[in-house]
Amino acid sequence: MNDLVPTYSLVVPAYNEEGVLPALAARLTELMDALDGDAEVILVDDGSSDRTYELMLEAARADPRFRLVRLSRNFGHQIALTAGVDLATGDAVIVLDADLQDPPEVVLELAACWREGYDVVYAIRDVRRGETWFKRKTAAWFYRAFNRISEVQVPLDVGDFRLVDRRVLDVFNRMRESNRFVRGMFSWIGLRQTGVLYKREERFAGETKYPLRKMLRFAMTGLISFSPAPLRVALRAGFLVSLVSFGFGIWSLVVKLAGHYVPGWTSILLVVTFIGGVQLIVLGVIGEYIGDIHAEVKARPLYVVGELENFTTMPELPPRAVVARPRVRG
């Protein structure tokens, strides 16, 4: 295998994508042949339970430019993406999903902008086929709200599909937080960034790996990682409830002194449940931040690599990246 440092590294995390792998490998092979420099593909199996890794092995045996990373279990998309980026050696690293909603051919446009001197070239979803109205609208509302309360501005209609220059990755590799919002992290780094419009296709096969529950968790991770606004909202809500409660107490006293006091449980129950609900919300917000702190102080590895394939030399990994020792077979 060629030990020369490639110009391009294509990082593709995958989880239970056996229906997509043959078509994905064929299109990535055509893309590598069309690029204006040597290329490698880092396929990351994020603990799949189907034949994803076996199909990756077939692609690697057919073309040594495919390099495989198998994580020890399912760590989640953002961590799998990070593992692939950590092991990529190219001057420019391109991240794209395995489901072929992000057409690999768009990488040629990203590479052209990179050649013009841009450090980050992100792909903007001009058309989003195969997505429900609810998903499109909630995503648009979230990112617009995120940009209003965060000091870091994330481009609208942009996912993780992008090309990143090596000098950006040198900074990214030093950002080792556990709960990762990668698109926000690249925006935080700054430098010269631009976007390329593209048409996002329908999923080639299989089911989405981001149901509503995971989307909400991902949105919360982004908010907690890049904005103290939820804490400020909780503080203001606390002041507001205290003010309303104080006013209600004065009103109750005045009514009693005027002789119009009518005992009843409805108002008491309403006030108690309202204040209790606000307190639980405030504690929940604080708990999210404390949970992030708890995850960081343990300083566990972000991921554990179980198997590697087609790596002739091991790149130097950033902190909190672990490769399990290979089995010794007798």
C-alpha atoms as a PDB file:
ATOM      1  CA  MET A   1       0.000   0.000   0.000  1.00  0.00           C
ATOM      2  CA  ASN A   2       1.203   3.504  -0.761  1.00  0.00           C
ATOM      3  CA  ASP A   3       2.599   5.174   2.387  1.00  0.00           C
ATOM      4  CA  LEU A   4       2.559   8.662   0.889  1.00  0.00           C
ATOM      5  CA  VAL A   5       0.358  11.166   2.663  1.00  0.00           C
ATOM      6  CA  PRO A   6      -2.812  11.539   0.572  1.00  0.00           C
ATOM      7  CA  THR A   7      -4.135  14.907  -0.487  1.00  0.00           C
ATOM      8  CA  TYR A   8      -7.712  14.004   0.463  1.00  0.00           C
ATOM      9  CA  SER A   9      -9.174  11.882   3.252  1.00  0.00           C
ATOM     10  CA  LEU A  10     -12.872  11.000   3.025  1.00  0.00           C
ATOM     11  CA  VAL A  11     -14.315  10.170   6.456  1.00  0.00           C
ATOM     12  CA  VAL A  12     -17.582   8.195   6.412  1.00  0.00           C
ATOM     13  CA  PRO A  13     -19.124   7.059   9.720  1.00  0.00           C
ATOM     14  CA  ALA A  14     -21.723   4.312   9.379  1.00  0.00           C
ATOM     15  CA  TYR A  15     -24.120   2.477  11.671  1.00  0.00           C
ATOM     16  CA  ASN A  16     -26.207  -0.441  10.350  1.00  0.00           C
ATOM     17  CA  GLU A  17     -25.881   0.621   6.715  1.00  0.00           C
ATOM     18  CA  GLU A  18     -25.537  -2.771   4.999  1.00  0.00           C
ATOM     19  CA  GLY A  19     -28.104  -1.779   2.371  1.00  0.00           C
ATOM     20  CA  VAL A  20     -26.032   1.216   1.313  1.00  0.00           C
ATOM     21  CA  LEU A  21     -22.433  -0.054   1.452  1.00  0.00           C
ATOM     22  CA  PRO A  22     -22.045  -1.576  -2.048  1.00  0.00           C
ATOM     23  CA  ALA A  23     -23.390   1.545  -3.802  1.00  0.00           C
ATOM     24  CA  LEU A  24     -21.453   3.820  -1.417  1.00  0.00           C
ATOM     25  CA  ALA A  25     -18.154   2.011  -2.106  1.00  0.00           C
ATOM     26  CA  ALA A  26     -18.690   2.213  -5.883  1.00  0.00           C
ATOM     27  CA  ARG A  27     -19.402   5.952  -5.832  1.00  0.00           C
ATOM     28  CA  LEU A  28     -16.510   6.690  -3.495  1.00  0.00           C
ATOM     29  CA  THR A  29     -14.175   4.756  -5.791  1.00  0.00           C
ATOM     30  CA  GLU A  30     -15.307   6.857  -8.770  1.00  0.00           C
ATOM     31  CA  LEU A  31     -14.854  10.000  -6.691  1.00  0.00           C
ATOM     32  CA  MET A  32     -11.283   9.123  -5.668  1.00  0.00           C
ATOM     33  CA  ASP A  33     -10.416   8.510  -9.311  1.00  0.00           C
ATOM     34  CA  ALA A  34     -11.848  11.930 -10.264  1.00  0.00           C
ATOM     35  CA  LEU A  35     -10.109  13.994  -7.574  1.00  0.00           C
ATOM     36  CA  ASP A  36      -7.005  16.016  -8.450  1.00  0.00           C
ATOM     37  CA  GLY A  37      -4.805  14.248  -5.907  1.00  0.00           C
ATOM     38  CA  ASP A  38      -4.274  10.999  -4.034  1.00  0.00           C
ATOM     39  CA  ALA A  39      -7.159  10.046  -1.770  1.00  0.00           C
ATOM     40  CA  GLU A  40      -8.120   7.618   0.974  1.00  0.00           C
ATOM     41  CA  VAL A  41     -11.462   6.669   2.497  1.00  0.00           C
ATOM     42  CA  ILE A  42     -11.782   6.145   6.246  1.00  0.00           C
ATOM     43  CA  LEU A  43     -14.876   4.001   6.823  1.00  0.00           C
ATOM     44  CA  VAL A  44     -15.902   4.008  10.495  1.00  0.00           C
ATOM     45  CA  ASP A  45     -18.183   1.240  11.719  1.00  0.00           C
ATOM     46  CA  ASP A  46     -19.910   2.622  14.811  1.00  0.00           C
ATOM     47  CA  GLY A  47     -20.668  -0.728  16.430  1.00  0.00           C
ATOM     48  CA  SER A  48     -23.104  -1.979  13.781  1.00  0.00           C
ATOM     49  CA  SER A  49     -25.156  -5.085  14.488  1.00  0.00           C
ATOM     50  CA  ASP A  50     -25.706  -6.036  10.824  1.00  0.00           C
ATOM     51  CA  ARG A  51     -23.246  -6.868   7.995  1.00  0.00           C
ATOM     52  CA  THR A  52     -21.911  -3.335   7.668  1.00  0.00           C
ATOM     53  CA  TYR A  53     -18.354  -4.223   8.691  1.00  0.00           C
ATOM     54  CA  GLU A  54     -18.233  -7.350   6.506  1.00  0.00           C
ATOM     55  CA  LEU A  55     -19.207  -5.271   3.478  1.00  0.00           C
ATOM     56  CA  MET A  56     -16.592  -2.691   4.434  1.00  0.00           C
ATOM     57  CA  LEU A  57     -13.999  -5.468   4.454  1.00  0.00           C
ATOM     58  CA  GLU A  58     -15.030  -6.486   0.944  1.00  0.00           C
ATOM     59  CA  ALA A  59     -14.541  -2.905  -0.248  1.00  0.00           C
ATOM     60  CA  ALA A  60     -11.119  -2.742   1.415  1.00  0.00           C
ATOM     61  CA  ARG A  61      -9.982  -5.986  -0.190  1.00  0.00           C
ATOM     62  CA  ALA A  62     -11.036  -4.704  -3.599  1.00  0.00           C
ATOM     63  CA  ASP A  63      -9.340  -1.307  -3.168  1.00  0.00           C
ATOM     64  CA  PRO A  64      -6.544  -0.674  -0.607  1.00  0.00           C
ATOM     65  CA  ARG A  65      -7.442   3.007  -0.545  1.00  0.00           C
ATOM     66  CA  PHE A  66     -10.345   2.050   1.736  1.00  0.00           C
ATOM     67  CA  ARG A  67      -9.230   2.005   5.363  1.00  0.00           C
ATOM     68  CA  LEU A  68     -11.509   0.623   8.043  1.00  0.00           C
ATOM     69  CA  VAL A  69     -12.067   1.564  11.664  1.00  0.00           C
ATOM     70  CA  ARG A  70     -14.313  -0.583  13.824  1.00  0.00           C
ATOM     71  CA  LEU A  71     -15.284   0.949  17.164  1.00  0.00           C
ATOM     72  CA  SER A  72     -15.708  -1.373  20.139  1.00  0.00           C
ATOM     73  CA  ARG A  73     -19.406  -0.429  20.478  1.00  0.00           C
ATOM     74  CA  ASN A  74     -21.893   2.190  19.327  1.00  0.00           C
ATOM     75  CA  PHE A  75     -20.565   5.577  20.497  1.00  0.00           C
ATOM     76  CA  GLY A  76     -22.840   7.789  18.387  1.00  0.00           C
ATOM     77  CA  HIS A  77     -22.446   9.653  15.107  1.00  0.00           C
ATOM     78  CA  GLN A  78     -20.426  12.624  16.388  1.00  0.00           C
ATOM     79  CA  ILE A  79     -17.889  10.421  18.180  1.00  0.00           C
ATOM     80  CA  ALA A  80     -17.577   8.063  15.188  1.00  0.00           C
ATOM     81  CA  LEU A  81     -16.993  11.088  12.977  1.00  0.00           C
ATOM     82  CA  THR A  82     -14.289  12.271  15.397  1.00  0.00           C
ATOM     83  CA  ALA A  83     -12.593   8.849  15.348  1.00  0.00           C
ATOM     84  CA  GLY A  84     -12.390   8.928  11.551  1.00  0.00           C
ATOM     85  CA  VAL A  85     -11.015  12.464  11.526  1.00  0.00           C
ATOM     86  CA  ASP A  86      -8.400  11.514  14.147  1.00  0.00           C
ATOM     87  CA  LEU A  87      -7.105   8.732  11.892  1.00  0.00           C
ATOM     88  CA  ALA A  88      -7.242  10.685   8.631  1.00  0.00           C
ATOM     89  CA  THR A  89      -3.868  11.804   7.263  1.00  0.00           C
ATOM     90  CA  GLY A  90      -4.874  13.909   4.237  1.00  0.00           C
ATOM     91  CA  ASP A  91      -4.134  17.591   3.728  1.00  0.00           C
ATOM     92  CA  ALA A  92      -7.900  18.075   3.348  1.00  0.00           C
ATOM     93  CA  VAL A  93     -10.466  15.944   5.184  1.00  0.00           C
ATOM     94  CA  ILE A  94     -14.028  15.581   3.896  1.00  0.00           C
ATOM     95  CA  VAL A  95     -16.789  14.338   6.209  1.00  0.00           C
ATOM     96  CA  LEU A  96     -19.954  12.861   4.710  1.00  0.00           C
ATOM     97  CA  ASP A  97     -22.693  10.483   5.813  1.00  0.00           C
ATOM     98  CA  ALA A  98     -22.940   6.906   4.566  1.00  0.00           C
ATOM     99  CA  ASP A  99     -26.603   7.065   3.545  1.00  0.00           C
ATOM    100  CA  LEU A 100     -25.831   8.819   0.202  1.00  0.00           C
ATOM    101  CA  GLN A 101     -28.132  11.716   1.023  1.00  0.00           C
ATOM    102  CA  ASP A 102     -24.955  13.778   0.669  1.00  0.00           C
ATOM    103  CA  PRO A 103     -23.898  12.997  -2.934  1.00  0.00           C
ATOM    104  CA  PRO A 104     -20.156  12.173  -2.975  1.00  0.00           C
ATOM    105  CA  GLU A 105     -19.802  13.981  -6.316  1.00  0.00           C
ATOM    106  CA  VAL A 106     -20.304  17.332  -4.515  1.00  0.00           C
ATOM    107  CA  VAL A 107     -16.853  16.797  -2.992  1.00  0.00           C
ATOM    108  CA  LEU A 108     -15.344  17.914  -6.329  1.00  0.00           C
ATOM    109  CA  GLU A 109     -16.924  21.354  -5.809  1.00  0.00           C
ATOM    110  CA  LEU A 110     -15.722  21.475  -2.201  1.00  0.00           C
ATOM    111  CA  ALA A 111     -12.193  20.628  -3.348  1.00  0.00           C
ATOM    112  CA  ALA A 112     -12.265  23.378  -5.983  1.00  0.00           C
ATOM    113  CA  CYS A 113     -13.090  25.982  -3.300  1.00  0.00           C
ATOM    114  CA  TRP A 114     -10.354  24.574  -1.062  1.00  0.00           C
ATOM    115  CA  ARG A 115      -7.861  25.050  -3.902  1.00  0.00           C
ATOM    116  CA  GLU A 116      -8.885  28.713  -3.949  1.00  0.00           C
ATOM    117  CA  GLY A 117      -7.575  29.079  -0.394  1.00  0.00           C
ATOM    118  CA  TYR A 118     -10.562  28.411   1.881  1.00  0.00           C
ATOM    119  CA  ASP A 119      -9.924  26.502   5.114  1.00  0.00           C
ATOM    120  CA  VAL A 120     -13.459  25.138   5.558  1.00  0.00           C
ATOM    121  CA  VAL A 121     -15.920  24.527   2.731  1.00  0.00           C
ATOM    122  CA  TYR A 122     -19.333  23.408   3.960  1.00  0.00           C
ATOM    123  CA  ALA A 123     -22.189  22.047   1.852  1.00  0.00           C
ATOM    124  CA  ILE A 124     -25.473  24.006   2.048  1.00  0.00           C
ATOM    125  CA  ARG A 125     -28.706  22.058   1.557  1.00  0.00           C
ATOM    126  CA  ASP A 126     -30.470  23.993  -1.187  1.00  0.00           C
ATOM    127  CA  VAL A 127     -33.018  21.211  -1.757  1.00  0.00           C
ATOM    128  CA  ARG A 128     -33.846  18.587   0.895  1.00  0.00           C
ATOM    129  CA  ARG A 129     -35.536  15.599  -0.716  1.00  0.00           C
ATOM    130  CA  GLY A 130     -37.076  12.839   1.342  1.00  0.00           C
ATOM    131  CA  GLU A 131     -37.416  14.916   4.522  1.00  0.00           C
ATOM    132  CA  THR A 132     -40.734  15.687   6.181  1.00  0.00           C
ATOM    133  CA  TRP A 133     -42.097  19.195   6.557  1.00  0.00           C
ATOM    134  CA  PHE A 134     -41.812  18.792  10.338  1.00  0.00           C
ATOM    135  CA  LYS A 135     -38.113  17.927  10.216  1.00  0.00           C
ATOM    136  CA  ARG A 136     -37.266  20.781   7.846  1.00  0.00           C
ATOM    137  CA  LYS A 137     -39.160  23.362   9.890  1.00  0.00           C
ATOM    138  CA  THR A 138     -37.899  22.264  13.304  1.00  0.00           C
ATOM    139  CA  ALA A 139     -34.310  22.227  12.022  1.00  0.00           C
ATOM    140  CA  ALA A 140     -34.722  25.734  10.593  1.00  0.00           C
ATOM    141  CA  TRP A 141     -36.270  27.029  13.819  1.00  0.00           C
ATOM    142  CA  PHE A 142     -33.558  25.449  15.967  1.00  0.00           C
ATOM    143  CA  TYR A 143     -30.587  26.863  14.038  1.00  0.00           C
ATOM    144  CA  ARG A 144     -32.115  30.318  13.846  1.00  0.00           C
ATOM    145  CA  ALA A 145     -32.781  30.255  17.591  1.00  0.00           C
ATOM    146  CA  PHE A 146     -29.293  28.844  18.216  1.00  0.00           C
ATOM    147  CA  ASN A 147     -27.654  31.689  16.302  1.00  0.00           C
ATOM    148  CA  ARG A 148     -29.642  34.271  18.284  1.00  0.00           C
ATOM    149  CA  ILE A 149     -28.473  33.020  21.684  1.00  0.00           C
ATOM    150  CA  SER A 150     -24.997  31.711  20.847  1.00  0.00           C
ATOM    151  CA  GLU A 151     -21.795  33.663  20.332  1.00  0.00           C
ATOM    152  CA  VAL A 152     -20.870  31.120  17.636  1.00  0.00           C
ATOM    153  CA  GLN A 153     -22.847  31.440  14.403  1.00  0.00           C
ATOM    154  CA  VAL A 154     -23.590  28.138  12.651  1.00  0.00           C
ATOM    155  CA  PRO A 155     -24.442  28.377   8.915  1.00  0.00           C
ATOM    156  CA  LEU A 156     -28.110  27.664   8.193  1.00  0.00           C
ATOM    157  CA  ASP A 157     -29.137  24.497   6.311  1.00  0.00           C
ATOM    158  CA  VAL A 158     -25.693  22.979   6.870  1.00  0.00           C
ATOM    159  CA  GLY A 159     -24.904  19.607   8.430  1.00  0.00           C
ATOM    160  CA  ASP A 160     -21.572  17.865   8.950  1.00  0.00           C
ATOM    161  CA  PHE A 161     -20.910  17.462   5.202  1.00  0.00           C
ATOM    162  CA  ARG A 162     -17.834  19.638   4.608  1.00  0.00           C
ATOM    163  CA  LEU A 163     -14.172  19.813   3.624  1.00  0.00           C
ATOM    164  CA  VAL A 164     -11.707  20.901   6.311  1.00  0.00           C
ATOM    165  CA  ASP A 165      -8.089  21.927   5.833  1.00  0.00           C
ATOM    166  CA  ARG A 166      -5.351  20.297   7.893  1.00  0.00           C
ATOM    167  CA  ARG A 167      -4.579  23.462   9.855  1.00  0.00           C
ATOM    168  CA  VAL A 168      -8.213  23.579  11.010  1.00  0.00           C
ATOM    169  CA  LEU A 169      -7.999  19.923  12.041  1.00  0.00           C
ATOM    170  CA  ASP A 170      -4.895  20.650  14.111  1.00  0.00           C
ATOM    171  CA  VAL A 171      -7.105  22.928  16.219  1.00  0.00           C
ATOM    172  CA  PHE A 172     -10.110  20.580  16.141  1.00  0.00           C
ATOM    173  CA  ASN A 173      -7.983  17.690  17.422  1.00  0.00           C
ATOM    174  CA  ARG A 174      -7.239  19.688  20.563  1.00  0.00           C
ATOM    175  CA  MET A 175     -10.956  20.124  21.319  1.00  0.00           C
ATOM    176  CA  ARG A 176     -11.686  16.901  23.194  1.00  0.00           C
ATOM    177  CA  GLU A 177     -15.015  17.542  24.936  1.00  0.00           C
ATOM    178  CA  SER A 178     -17.183  14.476  25.438  1.00  0.00           C
ATOM    179  CA  ASN A 179     -20.537  15.872  24.267  1.00  0.00           C
ATOM    180  CA  ARG A 180     -19.691  16.992  20.767  1.00  0.00           C
ATOM    181  CA  PHE A 181     -21.508  19.341  18.407  1.00  0.00           C
ATOM    182  CA  VAL A 182     -19.036  19.097  15.539  1.00  0.00           C
ATOM    183  CA  ARG A 183     -20.597  21.656  13.184  1.00  0.00           C
ATOM    184  CA  GLY A 184     -20.508  24.201  15.991  1.00  0.00           C
ATOM    185  CA  MET A 185     -16.895  23.324  16.818  1.00  0.00           C
ATOM    186  CA  PHE A 186     -15.772  24.024  13.248  1.00  0.00           C
ATOM    187  CA  SER A 187     -17.667  27.327  13.293  1.00  0.00           C
ATOM    188  CA  TRP A 188     -15.957  28.239  16.579  1.00  0.00           C
ATOM    189  CA  ILE A 189     -12.522  27.745  15.018  1.00  0.00           C
ATOM    190  CA  GLY A 190     -13.225  30.372  12.356  1.00  0.00           C
ATOM    191  CA  LEU A 191     -10.595  31.053   9.638  1.00  0.00           C
ATOM    192  CA  ARG A 192     -11.686  31.330   5.995  1.00  0.00           C
ATOM    193  CA  GLN A 193     -14.988  29.529   5.429  1.00  0.00           C
ATOM    194  CA  THR A 194     -17.414  29.377   2.530  1.00  0.00           C
ATOM    195  CA  GLY A 195     -20.363  27.287   1.376  1.00  0.00           C
ATOM    196  CA  VAL A 196     -21.435  25.352  -1.716  1.00  0.00           C
ATOM    197  CA  LEU A 197     -25.091  24.743  -2.567  1.00  0.00           C
ATOM    198  CA  TYR A 198     -26.205  21.189  -3.302  1.00  0.00           C
ATOM    199  CA  LYS A 199     -29.325  19.057  -3.584  1.00  0.00           C
ATOM    200  CA  ARG A 200     -29.696  16.616  -0.727  1.00  0.00           C
ATOM    201  CA  GLU A 201     -31.055  13.300  -1.963  1.00  0.00           C
ATOM    202  CA  GLU A 202     -33.419  10.830  -0.356  1.00  0.00           C
ATOM    203  CA  ARG A 203     -31.881   8.092   1.751  1.00  0.00           C
ATOM    204  CA  PHE A 204     -30.599   5.332  -0.574  1.00  0.00           C
ATOM    205  CA  ALA A 205     -31.674   2.480   1.716  1.00  0.00           C
ATOM    206  CA  GLY A 206     -32.416   1.710   5.347  1.00  0.00           C
ATOM    207  CA  GLU A 207     -33.867   3.971   8.022  1.00  0.00           C
ATOM    208  CA  THR A 208     -32.769   7.260   9.534  1.00  0.00           C
ATOM    209  CA  LYS A 209     -30.485   6.994  12.563  1.00  0.00           C
ATOM    210  CA  TYR A 210     -31.759  10.297  13.940  1.00  0.00           C
ATOM    211  CA  PRO A 211     -35.339   9.831  15.239  1.00  0.00           C
ATOM    212  CA  LEU A 212     -37.016  12.681  17.129  1.00  0.00           C
ATOM    213  CA  ARG A 213     -35.551  11.645  20.492  1.00  0.00           C
ATOM    214  CA  LYS A 214     -31.976  11.753  19.201  1.00  0.00           C
ATOM    215  CA  MET A 215     -32.608  15.009  17.352  1.00  0.00           C
ATOM    216  CA  LEU A 216     -33.796  16.647  20.584  1.00  0.00           C
ATOM    217  CA  ARG A 217     -30.773  15.326  22.472  1.00  0.00           C
ATOM    218  CA  PHE A 218     -28.449  16.563  19.733  1.00  0.00           C
ATOM    219  CA  ALA A 219     -30.081  20.012  19.849  1.00  0.00           C
ATOM    220  CA  MET A 220     -29.670  20.133  23.633  1.00  0.00           C
ATOM    221  CA  THR A 221     -25.991  19.184  23.304  1.00  0.00           C
ATOM    222  CA  GLY A 222     -25.460  22.065  20.898  1.00  0.00           C
ATOM    223  CA  LEU A 223     -27.175  24.569  23.192  1.00  0.00           C
ATOM    224  CA  ILE A 224     -25.355  23.450  26.337  1.00  0.00           C
ATOM    225  CA  SER A 225     -21.971  23.348  24.572  1.00  0.00           C
ATOM    226  CA  PHE A 226     -22.091  26.787  22.995  1.00  0.00           C
ATOM    227  CA  SER A 227     -24.411  28.987  25.035  1.00  0.00           C
ATOM    228  CA  PRO A 228     -25.118  29.844  28.688  1.00  0.00           C
ATOM    229  CA  ALA A 229     -28.533  31.165  27.582  1.00  0.00           C
ATOM    230  CA  PRO A 230     -30.553  28.286  29.163  1.00  0.00           C
ATOM    231  CA  LEU A 231     -29.033  29.160  32.539  1.00  0.00           C
ATOM    232  CA  ARG A 232     -29.911  32.821  32.060  1.00  0.00           C
ATOM    233  CA  VAL A 233     -33.474  31.913  31.083  1.00  0.00           C
ATOM    234  CA  ALA A 234     -33.744  29.746  34.209  1.00  0.00           C
ATOM    235  CA  LEU A 235     -32.475  32.625  36.357  1.00  0.00           C
ATOM    236  CA  ARG A 236     -34.966  35.068  34.835  1.00  0.00           C
ATOM    237  CA  ALA A 237     -37.792  32.572  35.228  1.00  0.00           C
ATOM    238  CA  GLY A 238     -36.871  32.225  38.892  1.00  0.00           C
ATOM    239  CA  PHE A 239     -37.012  35.984  39.398  1.00  0.00           C
ATOM    240  CA  LEU A 240     -40.322  36.214  37.528  1.00  0.00           C
ATOM    241  CA  VAL A 241     -41.946  33.454  39.588  1.00  0.00           C
ATOM    242  CA  SER A 242     -40.665  35.037  42.803  1.00  0.00           C
ATOM    243  CA  LEU A 243     -42.152  38.382  41.770  1.00  0.00           C
ATOM    244  CA  VAL A 244     -45.514  36.842  40.871  1.00  0.00           C
ATOM    245  CA  SER A 245     -45.572  34.849  44.107  1.00  0.00           C
ATOM    246  CA  PHE A 246     -44.743  37.957  46.142  1.00  0.00           C
ATOM    247  CA  GLY A 247     -47.549  39.887  44.416  1.00  0.00           C
ATOM    248  CA  PHE A 248     -49.982  37.052  45.008  1.00  0.00           C
ATOM    249  CA  GLY A 249     -49.026  37.008  48.705  1.00  0.00           C
ATOM    250  CA  ILE A 250     -49.728  40.743  49.062  1.00  0.00           C
ATOM    251  CA  TRP A 251     -53.067  40.342  47.255  1.00  0.00           C
ATOM    252  CA  SER A 252     -54.071  37.477  49.558  1.00  0.00           C
ATOM    253  CA  LEU A 253     -53.216  39.549  52.639  1.00  0.00           C
ATOM    254  CA  VAL A 254     -55.224  42.535  51.389  1.00  0.00           C
ATOM    255  CA  VAL A 255     -58.242  40.340  50.609  1.00  0.00           C
ATOM    256  CA  LYS A 256     -58.102  38.764  54.066  1.00  0.00           C
ATOM    257  CA  LEU A 257     -57.878  42.115  55.867  1.00  0.00           C
ATOM    258  CA  ALA A 258     -60.815  43.402  53.812  1.00  0.00           C
ATOM    259  CA  GLY A 259     -62.925  40.526  55.093  1.00  0.00           C
ATOM    260  CA  HIS A 260     -63.490  38.957  51.686  1.00  0.00           C
ATOM    261  CA  TYR A 261     -61.236  35.971  52.204  1.00  0.00           C
ATOM    262  CA  VAL A 262     -62.799  32.740  50.989  1.00  0.00           C
ATOM    263  CA  PRO A 263     -60.783  29.621  51.878  1.00  0.00           C
ATOM    264  CA  GLY A 264     -60.191  27.230  49.015  1.00  0.00           C
ATOM    265  CA  TRP A 265     -57.735  24.761  47.613  1.00  0.00           C
ATOM    266  CA  THR A 266     -57.799  25.765  43.954  1.00  0.00           C
ATOM    267  CA  SER A 267     -55.599  28.851  44.219  1.00  0.00           C
ATOM    268  CA  ILE A 268     -53.192  27.141  46.612  1.00  0.00           C
ATOM    269  CA  LEU A 269     -52.869  24.118  44.370  1.00  0.00           C
ATOM    270  CA  LEU A 270     -52.356  26.323  41.308  1.00  0.00           C
ATOM    271  CA  VAL A 271     -49.575  28.356  42.920  1.00  0.00           C
ATOM    272  CA  VAL A 272     -47.798  25.344  44.422  1.00  0.00           C
ATOM    273  CA  THR A 273     -47.822  23.358  41.193  1.00  0.00           C
ATOM    274  CA  PHE A 274     -46.738  26.367  39.130  1.00  0.00           C
ATOM    275  CA  ILE A 275     -43.800  27.194  41.385  1.00  0.00           C
ATOM    276  CA  GLY A 276     -42.880  23.524  41.690  1.00  0.00           C
ATOM    277  CA  GLY A 277     -42.893  23.102  37.900  1.00  0.00           C
ATOM    278  CA  VAL A 278     -40.641  26.108  37.396  1.00  0.00           C
ATOM    279  CA  GLN A 279     -38.257  24.835  40.068  1.00  0.00           C
ATOM    280  CA  LEU A 280     -38.028  21.446  38.351  1.00  0.00           C
ATOM    281  CA  ILE A 281     -37.313  23.115  34.996  1.00  0.00           C
ATOM    282  CA  VAL A 282     -34.577  25.259  36.545  1.00  0.00           C
ATOM    283  CA  LEU A 283     -33.039  22.233  38.267  1.00  0.00           C
ATOM    284  CA  GLY A 284     -33.207  20.302  34.994  1.00  0.00           C
ATOM    285  CA  VAL A 285     -31.319  23.029  33.132  1.00  0.00           C
ATOM    286  CA  ILE A 286     -28.677  23.198  35.848  1.00  0.00           C
ATOM    287  CA  GLY A 287     -28.489  19.399  35.812  1.00  0.00           C
ATOM    288  CA  GLU A 288     -27.677  19.378  32.088  1.00  0.00           C
ATOM    289  CA  TYR A 289     -24.666  21.625  32.659  1.00  0.00           C
ATOM    290  CA  ILE A 290     -23.573  19.624  35.706  1.00  0.00           C
ATOM    291  CA  GLY A 291     -23.890  16.441  33.642  1.00  0.00           C
ATOM    292  CA  ASP A 292     -21.526  17.913  31.049  1.00  0.00           C
ATOM    293  CA  ILE A 293     -19.043  18.828  33.779  1.00  0.00           C
ATOM    294  CA  HIS A 294     -19.346  15.322  35.227  1.00  0.00           C
ATOM    295  CA  ALA A 295     -18.549  13.756  31.851  1.00  0.00           C
ATOM    296  CA  GLU A 296     -15.514  15.987  31.358  1.00  0.00           C
ATOM    297  CA  VAL A 297     -13.890  15.550  34.780  1.00  0.00           C
ATOM    298  CA  LYS A 298     -13.862  11.756  34.363  1.00  0.00           C
ATOM    299  CA  ALA A 299     -11.712  12.295  31.246  1.00  0.00           C
ATOM    300  CA  ARG A 300     -12.574   8.891  29.789  1.00  0.00           C
ATOM    301  CA  PRO A 301     -11.496   8.128  26.212  1.00  0.00           C
ATOM    302  CA  LEU A 302     -13.925   9.486  23.644  1.00  0.00           C
ATOM    303  CA  TYR A 303     -13.959   6.099  21.912  1.00  0.00           C
ATOM    304  CA  VAL A 304     -12.236   2.729  21.770  1.00  0.00           C
ATOM    305  CA  VAL A 305     -11.084   1.328  18.424  1.00  0.00           C
ATOM    306  CA  GLY A 306     -11.598  -2.424  18.279  1.00  0.00           C
ATOM    307  CA  GLU A 307     -10.145  -3.195  14.831  1.00  0.00           C
ATOM    308  CA  LEU A 308      -8.220  -1.431  12.079  1.00  0.00           C
ATOM    309  CA  GLU A 309      -7.832  -2.563   8.470  1.00  0.00           C
ATOM    310  CA  ASN A 310      -5.482  -1.322   5.695  1.00  0.00           C
ATOM    311  CA  PHE A 311      -3.496   0.972   7.996  1.00  0.00           C
ATOM    312  CA  THR A 312       0.184   0.356   7.303  1.00  0.00           C
ATOM    313  CA  THR A 313       1.309   2.836   9.936  1.00  0.00           C
ATOM    314  CA  MET A 314      -0.580   4.153  12.950  1.00  0.00           C
ATOM    315  CA  PRO A 315      -1.061   7.932  12.888  1.00  0.00           C
ATOM    316  CA  GLU A 316      -0.324   9.778  16.102  1.00  0.00           C
ATOM    317  CA  LEU A 317      -3.688  10.092  17.831  1.00  0.00           C
ATOM    318  CA  PRO A 318      -4.878  13.093  19.862  1.00  0.00           C
ATOM    319  CA  PRO A 319      -5.544  12.751  23.611  1.00  0.00           C
ATOM    320  CA  ARG A 320      -8.524  10.662  24.756  1.00  0.00           C
ATOM    321  CA  ALA A 321      -8.294   8.366  21.721  1.00  0.00           C
ATOM    322  CA  VAL A 322      -7.641   4.674  22.394  1.00  0.00           C
ATOM    323  CA  VAL A 323      -6.884   1.711  20.133  1.00  0.00           C
ATOM    324  CA  ALA A 324      -7.390  -1.629  21.859  1.00  0.00           C
ATOM    325  CA  ARG A 325      -4.411  -3.963  21.661  1.00  0.00           C
ATOM    326  CA  PRO A 326      -4.886  -6.612  18.918  1.00  0.00           C
ATOM    327  CA  ARG A 327      -5.543 -10.198  19.961  1.00  0.00           C
ATOM    328  CA  VAL A 328      -2.570 -12.541  19.954  1.00  0.00           C
ATOM    329  CA  ARG A 329      -3.648 -15.737  18.261  1.00  0.00           C
ATOM    330  CA  GLY A 330      -1.855 -18.934  19.161  1.00  0.00           C
END
